[in-house]
Amino acid sequence: KDESRPNWGNRIIMTFIKTIDINQAEGTVKNEYDKGIRRSGRVFNILKIMSQSPAALKESMRLYLAIMFGKSKLSRAQREMIATVVSQVNHCKYWIEAHGNDFRDEVGNKELATQLKKDWKKADLSAKDKALCAWAEKLTLSPGDMQKLDIDTLTGIGFSEDAISDAAQVVSYFNYINRIAEGLGVDLENEMK
């Protein structure tokens, strides 16, 4: 173990696998990198960590954009909130920071975003949003324990079934992508360090 490298928690900051550099990208990987540059002016490390699996990278990005930016009964802030909660429950630093910051941008409240990133249960969220967070946490930690009563609780406080279906998509996607990030050792973006 090289003690001179920075780390977060118990992990050295360094990808566990080789990634394809922007200048060497071809085909599908180059196309996805180019789309990333058009969307945000750069290629995020999460795209690079998936570069060894071009087809999965492409489809993952399509699914991400549909879930997080497509038409939904959930607000963008609620989707960012769920993404942050799932990532926090999974101890995925990359996505806690990325979507905690996106949540901050959506709600315009840095303090609330900081609370959410640390512990959603202590964050100053509405009762309705806390119920949604509790549901997301349970689905993340104990999917086999989910019951119709869990859905009934959410519908009982005003969430439609299509909103709950959208929430399930966010929870499921972030459980997947958290494991990609942690399992392959994605580096934090500079602004996350």
Protein backbone atom coordinates (compact mmCIF):
# COMPACT_ATOMS: atom_id res chain seq x y z
CA LYS A 1 0.00 0.00 0.00
CA ASP A 2 1.42 3.36 -1.03
CA GLU A 3 0.79 5.71 1.91
CA SER A 4 1.75 8.75 -0.20
CA ARG A 5 -1.44 8.54 -2.29
CA PRO A 6 -4.55 10.36 -1.10
CA ASN A 7 -7.45 8.20 0.05
CA TRP A 8 -11.05 8.32 1.17
CA GLY A 9 -12.04 6.00 3.94
CA ASN A 10 -9.93 2.88 3.62
CA ARG A 11 -9.49 3.11 -0.14
CA ILE A 12 -6.63 4.51 -2.17
CA ILE A 13 -7.87 6.93 -4.84
CA MET A 14 -6.94 5.08 -7.99
CA THR A 15 -9.01 3.10 -10.43
CA PHE A 16 -8.86 -0.65 -10.00
CA ILE A 17 -8.91 -1.24 -13.77
CA LYS A 18 -7.45 0.50 -16.80
CA THR A 19 -9.64 3.07 -18.50
CA ILE A 20 -9.63 4.35 -22.05
CA ASP A 21 -8.11 7.82 -22.31
CA ILE A 22 -10.12 10.49 -24.10
CA ASN A 23 -7.45 10.80 -26.81
CA GLN A 24 -7.45 7.04 -27.48
CA ALA A 25 -11.22 6.47 -27.45
CA GLU A 26 -12.79 4.96 -30.57
CA GLY A 27 -16.22 3.81 -31.69
CA THR A 28 -18.91 3.66 -29.01
CA VAL A 29 -16.60 4.88 -26.25
CA LYS A 30 -15.59 7.93 -28.30
CA ASN A 31 -19.26 8.62 -29.08
CA GLU A 32 -20.18 8.46 -25.37
CA TYR A 33 -17.20 10.63 -24.41
CA ASP A 34 -18.22 13.17 -27.07
CA LYS A 35 -21.80 13.20 -25.75
CA GLY A 36 -20.44 13.77 -22.24
CA ILE A 37 -18.41 16.73 -23.46
CA ARG A 38 -21.47 18.19 -25.21
CA ARG A 39 -23.62 17.75 -22.08
CA SER A 40 -21.21 19.07 -19.48
CA GLY A 41 -18.00 20.21 -21.12
CA ARG A 42 -15.99 17.19 -19.97
CA VAL A 43 -15.86 13.43 -19.56
CA PHE A 44 -16.69 12.45 -15.99
CA ASN A 45 -14.69 9.69 -14.33
CA ILE A 46 -17.75 7.44 -14.11
CA LEU A 47 -17.81 7.29 -17.94
CA LYS A 48 -14.09 6.48 -18.03
CA ILE A 49 -14.46 3.67 -15.47
CA MET A 50 -17.08 2.05 -17.73
CA SER A 51 -14.99 2.43 -20.91
CA GLN A 52 -13.95 -1.24 -20.94
CA SER A 53 -17.63 -2.15 -21.50
CA PRO A 54 -18.72 0.10 -24.39
CA ALA A 55 -22.21 -1.35 -24.94
CA ALA A 56 -23.00 -1.21 -21.22
CA LEU A 57 -21.64 2.36 -21.04
CA LYS A 58 -23.93 3.43 -23.88
CA GLU A 59 -27.05 1.76 -22.50
CA SER A 60 -26.33 2.85 -18.93
CA MET A 61 -26.15 6.47 -20.05
CA ARG A 62 -29.41 6.15 -22.01
CA LEU A 63 -31.13 4.68 -18.96
CA TYR A 64 -29.63 7.31 -16.64
CA LEU A 65 -30.83 10.18 -18.82
CA ALA A 66 -34.33 8.70 -19.12
CA ILE A 67 -34.64 8.09 -15.38
CA MET A 68 -33.10 11.33 -14.14
CA PHE A 69 -34.13 13.82 -16.85
CA GLY A 70 -37.14 12.24 -18.56
CA LYS A 71 -40.78 13.04 -17.91
CA SER A 72 -41.77 11.99 -14.40
CA LYS A 73 -44.32 12.59 -11.65
CA LEU A 74 -41.29 13.08 -9.39
CA SER A 75 -39.52 16.42 -9.45
CA ARG A 76 -35.88 16.62 -10.49
CA ALA A 77 -35.08 17.48 -6.85
CA GLN A 78 -36.84 14.33 -5.63
CA ARG A 79 -34.94 12.18 -8.09
CA GLU A 80 -31.64 13.77 -7.03
CA MET A 81 -32.66 13.28 -3.39
CA ILE A 82 -33.29 9.55 -3.96
CA ALA A 83 -29.99 9.16 -5.85
CA THR A 84 -28.15 10.77 -2.93
CA VAL A 85 -29.94 8.68 -0.30
CA VAL A 86 -29.23 5.40 -2.10
CA SER A 87 -25.59 6.37 -2.54
CA GLN A 88 -25.31 7.38 1.11
CA VAL A 89 -26.85 4.07 2.26
CA ASN A 90 -24.33 2.26 0.00
CA HIS A 91 -21.42 4.43 1.23
CA CYS A 92 -20.62 5.38 -2.36
CA LYS A 93 -18.64 8.61 -2.00
CA TYR A 94 -18.55 9.41 -5.73
CA TRP A 95 -22.33 9.43 -6.15
CA ILE A 96 -23.03 10.98 -2.73
CA GLU A 97 -21.01 13.98 -3.83
CA ALA A 98 -22.20 14.08 -7.43
CA HIS A 99 -25.92 13.86 -6.73
CA GLY A 100 -25.81 15.66 -3.41
CA ASN A 101 -24.44 18.60 -5.39
CA ASP A 102 -27.11 18.15 -8.07
CA PHE A 103 -29.76 18.12 -5.33
CA ARG A 104 -28.25 21.34 -3.94
CA ASP A 105 -28.51 22.94 -7.37
CA GLU A 106 -32.14 21.84 -7.76
CA VAL A 107 -33.32 23.11 -4.36
CA GLY A 108 -30.93 26.07 -4.06
CA ASN A 109 -30.06 25.13 -0.49
CA LYS A 110 -26.47 24.17 0.33
CA GLU A 111 -27.21 23.42 4.00
CA LEU A 112 -30.04 21.02 3.15
CA ALA A 113 -27.85 19.24 0.60
CA THR A 114 -25.06 18.88 3.16
CA GLN A 115 -27.55 17.42 5.65
CA LEU A 116 -28.87 15.01 3.02
CA LYS A 117 -25.37 13.82 2.11
CA LYS A 118 -24.57 13.09 5.77
CA ASP A 119 -27.84 11.57 7.03
CA TRP A 120 -31.18 11.99 5.29
CA LYS A 121 -33.01 11.18 8.54
CA LYS A 122 -31.66 14.40 10.09
CA ALA A 123 -32.18 16.54 6.98
CA ASP A 124 -34.89 19.21 7.00
CA LEU A 125 -37.06 17.44 4.42
CA SER A 126 -40.85 17.40 4.20
CA ALA A 127 -42.64 14.45 5.80
CA LYS A 128 -43.60 13.28 2.31
CA ASP A 129 -40.00 13.33 1.08
CA LYS A 130 -38.79 11.59 4.25
CA ALA A 131 -41.28 8.79 3.59
CA LEU A 132 -39.90 8.48 0.06
CA CYS A 133 -36.34 8.37 1.43
CA ALA A 134 -37.30 5.68 3.96
CA TRP A 135 -38.83 3.62 1.15
CA ALA A 136 -35.68 4.07 -0.99
CA GLU A 137 -33.48 3.01 1.92
CA LYS A 138 -35.56 -0.10 2.58
CA LEU A 139 -35.56 -1.07 -1.10
CA THR A 140 -31.77 -0.63 -1.15
CA LEU A 141 -31.03 -2.59 2.05
CA SER A 142 -33.81 -5.20 2.09
CA PRO A 143 -35.43 -5.64 -1.33
CA GLY A 144 -36.80 -9.06 -0.36
CA ASP A 145 -38.72 -7.48 2.53
CA MET A 146 -40.74 -5.08 0.38
CA GLN A 147 -44.51 -5.47 0.66
CA LYS A 148 -47.62 -3.90 -0.81
CA LEU A 149 -47.96 -2.04 2.49
CA ASP A 150 -44.80 -0.10 1.55
CA ILE A 151 -46.51 1.10 -1.63
CA ASP A 152 -49.77 1.76 0.23
CA THR A 153 -47.89 3.98 2.67
CA LEU A 154 -46.60 6.12 -0.20
CA THR A 155 -49.92 6.27 -2.05
CA GLY A 156 -51.59 7.15 1.25
CA ILE A 157 -49.53 10.34 1.50
CA GLY A 158 -50.12 11.39 -2.07
CA PHE A 159 -47.62 9.63 -4.33
CA SER A 160 -49.16 8.18 -7.48
CA GLU A 161 -48.24 4.69 -8.59
CA ASP A 162 -46.39 6.08 -11.61
CA ALA A 163 -44.35 8.33 -9.29
CA ILE A 164 -43.51 5.29 -7.16
CA SER A 165 -42.56 3.34 -10.27
CA ASP A 166 -40.23 6.20 -11.26
CA ALA A 167 -38.77 6.19 -7.74
CA ALA A 168 -38.09 2.45 -8.04
CA GLN A 169 -36.19 3.14 -11.28
CA VAL A 170 -33.99 5.73 -9.54
CA VAL A 171 -33.33 3.44 -6.56
CA SER A 172 -32.50 0.50 -8.79
CA TYR A 173 -30.27 2.45 -11.16
CA PHE A 174 -28.23 3.93 -8.32
CA ASN A 175 -27.80 0.57 -6.63
CA TYR A 176 -26.37 -0.64 -9.95
CA ILE A 177 -24.15 2.36 -10.66
CA ASN A 178 -22.93 2.60 -7.04
CA ARG A 179 -21.58 -0.92 -7.44
CA ILE A 180 -19.90 -0.04 -10.73
CA ALA A 181 -18.23 2.96 -9.07
CA GLU A 182 -17.14 1.12 -5.93
CA GLY A 183 -16.37 -2.22 -7.57
CA LEU A 184 -14.12 -0.72 -10.26
CA GLY A 185 -12.62 2.04 -8.12
CA VAL A 186 -13.82 5.23 -9.80
CA ASP A 187 -11.68 8.25 -8.95
CA LEU A 188 -13.40 11.23 -7.39
CA GLU A 189 -13.70 14.29 -9.60
CA ASN A 190 -11.33 17.07 -8.50
CA GLU A 191 -14.17 19.16 -7.06
CA MET A 192 -15.27 16.20 -4.90
CA LYS A 193 -11.94 15.84 -3.10
